[in-house]
Amino acid sequence: MEDGIKFFETEGHQTHANAEREVKRGTSDPTYLMYTLGKLAIYKLRADYAKKLGSAYSLHKFHDAFVKEGAPPIPLLRRLLLGEEGDLL
């Protein structure tokens, strides 16, 4: 727990109270993992989208393409935005 609190304080620039709250939530809330995995999958999708578009990439363009599709599962979004299956993470 202490390592986690220190991590949130230094890497997340959070107060001790907030860091402690996040560590407790992360170790007791089963949905916390799904949120984090989803976030990491979206970051990877964004990086792969940027690689595919090259110099034509912009965060605005990614955001518009992402939001335009609604809320399908990330594997489907990968197919829609990249035309490929690919790894989630």
N, C-alpha and C. Protein backbone atom coordinates (compact mmCIF):
# COMPACT_ATOMS: atom_id res chain seq x y z
N MET A 1 0.83 -1.19 0.00
CA MET A 1 0.00 0.00 0.00
C MET A 1 0.88 1.26 0.00
N GLU A 2 1.92 1.25 0.81
CA GLU A 2 2.77 2.44 0.91
C GLU A 2 3.45 2.75 -0.43
N ASP A 3 3.91 1.71 -1.15
CA ASP A 3 4.51 1.92 -2.46
C ASP A 3 3.50 2.54 -3.43
N GLY A 4 2.28 2.05 -3.37
CA GLY A 4 1.23 2.59 -4.23
C GLY A 4 0.94 4.04 -3.92
N ILE A 5 0.88 4.36 -2.64
CA ILE A 5 0.63 5.75 -2.23
C ILE A 5 1.75 6.66 -2.72
N LYS A 6 2.98 6.21 -2.53
CA LYS A 6 4.14 7.00 -3.00
C LYS A 6 4.09 7.20 -4.52
N PHE A 7 3.69 6.13 -5.23
CA PHE A 7 3.59 6.22 -6.69
C PHE A 7 2.58 7.27 -7.10
N PHE A 8 1.39 7.23 -6.52
CA PHE A 8 0.36 8.22 -6.87
C PHE A 8 0.79 9.63 -6.50
N GLU A 9 1.51 9.76 -5.41
CA GLU A 9 1.99 11.09 -5.00
C GLU A 9 3.04 11.63 -5.97
N THR A 10 4.00 10.80 -6.34
CA THR A 10 5.10 11.28 -7.19
C THR A 10 4.74 11.30 -8.67
N GLU A 11 4.15 10.21 -9.16
CA GLU A 11 3.84 10.12 -10.59
C GLU A 11 2.52 10.80 -10.95
N GLY A 12 1.57 10.76 -10.02
CA GLY A 12 0.25 11.34 -10.29
C GLY A 12 0.07 12.73 -9.70
N HIS A 13 1.10 13.19 -8.98
CA HIS A 13 1.07 14.53 -8.37
C HIS A 13 -0.19 14.72 -7.53
N GLN A 14 -0.52 13.68 -6.75
CA GLN A 14 -1.71 13.74 -5.91
C GLN A 14 -1.32 14.00 -4.46
N THR A 15 -2.25 14.57 -3.74
CA THR A 15 -2.03 14.75 -2.30
C THR A 15 -2.01 13.38 -1.64
N HIS A 16 -1.49 13.33 -0.42
CA HIS A 16 -1.41 12.05 0.28
C HIS A 16 -2.81 11.45 0.46
N ALA A 17 -3.78 12.27 0.82
CA ALA A 17 -5.14 11.77 1.04
C ALA A 17 -5.72 11.18 -0.24
N ASN A 18 -5.55 11.87 -1.36
CA ASN A 18 -6.07 11.35 -2.63
C ASN A 18 -5.33 10.10 -3.06
N ALA A 19 -4.02 10.09 -2.88
CA ALA A 19 -3.22 8.92 -3.23
C ALA A 19 -3.66 7.70 -2.42
N GLU A 20 -3.89 7.90 -1.14
CA GLU A 20 -4.34 6.82 -0.27
C GLU A 20 -5.71 6.31 -0.71
N ARG A 21 -6.59 7.22 -1.07
CA ARG A 21 -7.93 6.85 -1.53
C ARG A 21 -7.85 6.01 -2.81
N GLU A 22 -6.99 6.43 -3.75
CA GLU A 22 -6.85 5.69 -5.01
C GLU A 22 -6.28 4.30 -4.78
N VAL A 23 -5.31 4.18 -3.89
CA VAL A 23 -4.74 2.87 -3.60
C VAL A 23 -5.78 1.96 -2.97
N LYS A 24 -6.56 2.48 -2.05
CA LYS A 24 -7.62 1.67 -1.44
C LYS A 24 -8.64 1.24 -2.48
N ARG A 25 -9.01 2.17 -3.35
CA ARG A 25 -9.98 1.85 -4.40
C ARG A 25 -9.39 0.81 -5.35
N GLY A 26 -8.13 1.00 -5.72
CA GLY A 26 -7.48 0.08 -6.66
C GLY A 26 -7.33 -1.33 -6.12
N THR A 27 -7.26 -1.47 -4.82
CA THR A 27 -7.10 -2.80 -4.23
C THR A 27 -8.40 -3.43 -3.79
N SER A 28 -9.50 -2.68 -3.84
CA SER A 28 -10.76 -3.25 -3.37
C SER A 28 -11.90 -3.19 -4.38
N ASP A 29 -11.77 -2.37 -5.42
CA ASP A 29 -12.85 -2.20 -6.39
C ASP A 29 -12.52 -3.00 -7.65
N PRO A 30 -13.27 -4.07 -7.94
CA PRO A 30 -12.96 -4.89 -9.11
C PRO A 30 -13.11 -4.15 -10.44
N THR A 31 -13.87 -3.08 -10.48
CA THR A 31 -14.04 -2.36 -11.74
C THR A 31 -12.85 -1.46 -12.04
N TYR A 32 -12.01 -1.20 -11.05
CA TYR A 32 -10.85 -0.33 -11.24
C TYR A 32 -9.92 -0.89 -12.31
N LEU A 33 -9.73 -2.20 -12.31
CA LEU A 33 -8.87 -2.84 -13.30
C LEU A 33 -9.44 -2.66 -14.71
N MET A 34 -10.74 -2.84 -14.86
CA MET A 34 -11.35 -2.71 -16.18
C MET A 34 -11.21 -1.28 -16.71
N TYR A 35 -11.39 -0.31 -15.85
CA TYR A 35 -11.21 1.09 -16.24
C TYR A 35 -9.79 1.31 -16.74
N THR A 36 -8.82 0.81 -15.98
CA THR A 36 -7.42 1.01 -16.34
C THR A 36 -7.08 0.28 -17.63
N LEU A 37 -7.55 -0.94 -17.80
CA LEU A 37 -7.28 -1.68 -19.04
C LEU A 37 -7.90 -0.97 -20.24
N GLY A 38 -9.11 -0.45 -20.07
CA GLY A 38 -9.76 0.29 -21.15
C GLY A 38 -8.97 1.54 -21.52
N LYS A 39 -8.50 2.25 -20.51
CA LYS A 39 -7.71 3.46 -20.76
C LYS A 39 -6.43 3.11 -21.52
N LEU A 40 -5.74 2.05 -21.10
CA LEU A 40 -4.51 1.65 -21.78
C LEU A 40 -4.78 1.20 -23.22
N ALA A 41 -5.91 0.51 -23.43
CA ALA A 41 -6.26 0.08 -24.78
C ALA A 41 -6.55 1.28 -25.68
N ILE A 42 -7.17 2.31 -25.14
CA ILE A 42 -7.44 3.53 -25.92
C ILE A 42 -6.14 4.26 -26.23
N TYR A 43 -5.22 4.32 -25.27
CA TYR A 43 -3.92 4.94 -25.53
C TYR A 43 -3.18 4.21 -26.64
N LYS A 44 -3.24 2.87 -26.63
CA LYS A 44 -2.57 2.10 -27.69
C LYS A 44 -3.25 2.34 -29.03
N LEU A 45 -4.57 2.36 -29.04
CA LEU A 45 -5.30 2.65 -30.27
C LEU A 45 -4.90 4.02 -30.81
N ARG A 46 -4.80 5.00 -29.93
CA ARG A 46 -4.41 6.35 -30.35
C ARG A 46 -3.00 6.35 -30.94
N ALA A 47 -2.07 5.64 -30.32
CA ALA A 47 -0.70 5.57 -30.83
C ALA A 47 -0.66 4.87 -32.19
N ASP A 48 -1.41 3.79 -32.33
CA ASP A 48 -1.45 3.07 -33.61
C ASP A 48 -2.12 3.91 -34.69
N TYR A 49 -3.13 4.67 -34.32
CA TYR A 49 -3.80 5.57 -35.26
C TYR A 49 -2.83 6.66 -35.72
N ALA A 50 -2.07 7.19 -34.79
CA ALA A 50 -1.08 8.22 -35.13
C ALA A 50 -0.03 7.65 -36.06
N LYS A 51 0.40 6.43 -35.80
CA LYS A 51 1.40 5.77 -36.66
C LYS A 51 0.84 5.56 -38.07
N LYS A 52 -0.42 5.15 -38.14
CA LYS A 52 -1.05 4.89 -39.44
C LYS A 52 -1.19 6.19 -40.25
N LEU A 53 -1.59 7.28 -39.59
CA LEU A 53 -1.81 8.54 -40.30
C LEU A 53 -0.53 9.33 -40.54
N GLY A 54 0.49 9.05 -39.77
CA GLY A 54 1.76 9.76 -39.94
C GLY A 54 1.61 11.25 -39.73
N SER A 55 2.12 12.04 -40.66
CA SER A 55 2.09 13.50 -40.51
C SER A 55 0.68 14.08 -40.60
N ALA A 56 -0.28 13.29 -41.09
CA ALA A 56 -1.67 13.76 -41.16
C ALA A 56 -2.40 13.61 -39.83
N TYR A 57 -1.75 12.97 -38.84
CA TYR A 57 -2.38 12.73 -37.54
C TYR A 57 -2.51 14.02 -36.74
N SER A 58 -3.63 14.12 -36.04
CA SER A 58 -3.79 15.14 -35.00
C SER A 58 -4.67 14.53 -33.92
N LEU A 59 -4.49 14.99 -32.70
CA LEU A 59 -5.32 14.49 -31.61
C LEU A 59 -6.78 14.82 -31.88
N HIS A 60 -7.03 15.98 -32.46
CA HIS A 60 -8.39 16.38 -32.80
C HIS A 60 -9.01 15.38 -33.78
N LYS A 61 -8.24 14.98 -34.78
CA LYS A 61 -8.72 14.02 -35.78
C LYS A 61 -9.04 12.67 -35.12
N PHE A 62 -8.14 12.23 -34.22
CA PHE A 62 -8.38 10.97 -33.52
C PHE A 62 -9.64 11.06 -32.68
N HIS A 63 -9.75 12.13 -31.94
CA HIS A 63 -10.92 12.31 -31.07
C HIS A 63 -12.21 12.28 -31.87
N ASP A 64 -12.25 12.99 -32.98
CA ASP A 64 -13.45 13.03 -33.81
C ASP A 64 -13.79 11.64 -34.35
N ALA A 65 -12.77 10.92 -34.82
CA ALA A 65 -13.01 9.57 -35.36
C ALA A 65 -13.48 8.62 -34.27
N PHE A 66 -12.88 8.75 -33.09
CA PHE A 66 -13.22 7.90 -31.95
C PHE A 66 -14.66 8.14 -31.50
N VAL A 67 -15.03 9.39 -31.30
CA VAL A 67 -16.36 9.74 -30.79
C VAL A 67 -17.44 9.45 -31.83
N LYS A 68 -17.11 9.63 -33.10
CA LYS A 68 -18.06 9.40 -34.19
C LYS A 68 -18.62 7.98 -34.18
N GLU A 69 -17.82 7.02 -33.70
CA GLU A 69 -18.23 5.62 -33.73
C GLU A 69 -19.14 5.23 -32.58
N GLY A 70 -19.39 6.13 -31.65
CA GLY A 70 -20.24 5.78 -30.51
C GLY A 70 -19.44 5.11 -29.42
N ALA A 71 -19.94 4.01 -28.91
CA ALA A 71 -19.26 3.32 -27.81
C ALA A 71 -19.13 1.82 -28.03
N PRO A 72 -18.62 1.41 -29.19
CA PRO A 72 -18.44 -0.04 -29.39
C PRO A 72 -17.23 -0.54 -28.59
N PRO A 73 -17.09 -1.84 -28.44
CA PRO A 73 -15.91 -2.39 -27.77
C PRO A 73 -14.63 -1.96 -28.49
N ILE A 74 -13.56 -1.86 -27.76
CA ILE A 74 -12.29 -1.40 -28.33
C ILE A 74 -11.83 -2.26 -29.52
N PRO A 75 -11.95 -3.60 -29.48
CA PRO A 75 -11.53 -4.37 -30.67
C PRO A 75 -12.29 -3.94 -31.94
N LEU A 76 -13.57 -3.62 -31.81
CA LEU A 76 -14.33 -3.15 -32.96
C LEU A 76 -13.86 -1.75 -33.38
N LEU A 77 -13.57 -0.90 -32.42
CA LEU A 77 -13.03 0.42 -32.75
C LEU A 77 -11.72 0.31 -33.51
N ARG A 78 -10.88 -0.64 -33.11
CA ARG A 78 -9.61 -0.85 -33.82
C ARG A 78 -9.88 -1.17 -35.29
N ARG A 79 -10.86 -2.05 -35.54
CA ARG A 79 -11.19 -2.40 -36.92
C ARG A 79 -11.73 -1.20 -37.68
N LEU A 80 -12.58 -0.41 -37.02
CA LEU A 80 -13.18 0.74 -37.68
C LEU A 80 -12.17 1.84 -37.98
N LEU A 81 -11.26 2.10 -37.04
CA LEU A 81 -10.31 3.20 -37.21
C LEU A 81 -9.04 2.79 -37.92
N LEU A 82 -8.64 1.51 -37.78
CA LEU A 82 -7.38 1.08 -38.34
C LEU A 82 -7.52 0.06 -39.47
N GLY A 83 -8.72 -0.56 -39.54
CA GLY A 83 -8.91 -1.59 -40.55
C GLY A 83 -8.20 -2.89 -40.21
N GLU A 84 -7.91 -3.11 -38.93
CA GLU A 84 -7.19 -4.31 -38.51
C GLU A 84 -7.63 -4.73 -37.12
N GLU A 85 -7.32 -5.96 -36.79
CA GLU A 85 -7.64 -6.49 -35.46
C GLU A 85 -6.65 -5.92 -34.44
N GLY A 86 -5.41 -6.32 -34.52
CA GLY A 86 -4.38 -5.81 -33.60
C GLY A 86 -4.56 -6.26 -32.17
N ASP A 87 -3.52 -6.03 -31.39
CA ASP A 87 -3.56 -6.35 -29.97
C ASP A 87 -4.16 -5.19 -29.21
N LEU A 88 -4.91 -5.50 -28.14
CA LEU A 88 -5.50 -4.45 -27.32
C LEU A 88 -4.43 -3.64 -26.63
N LEU A 89 -3.42 -4.31 -26.07
CA LEU A 89 -2.39 -3.59 -25.31
C LEU A 89 -1.07 -3.83 -25.91
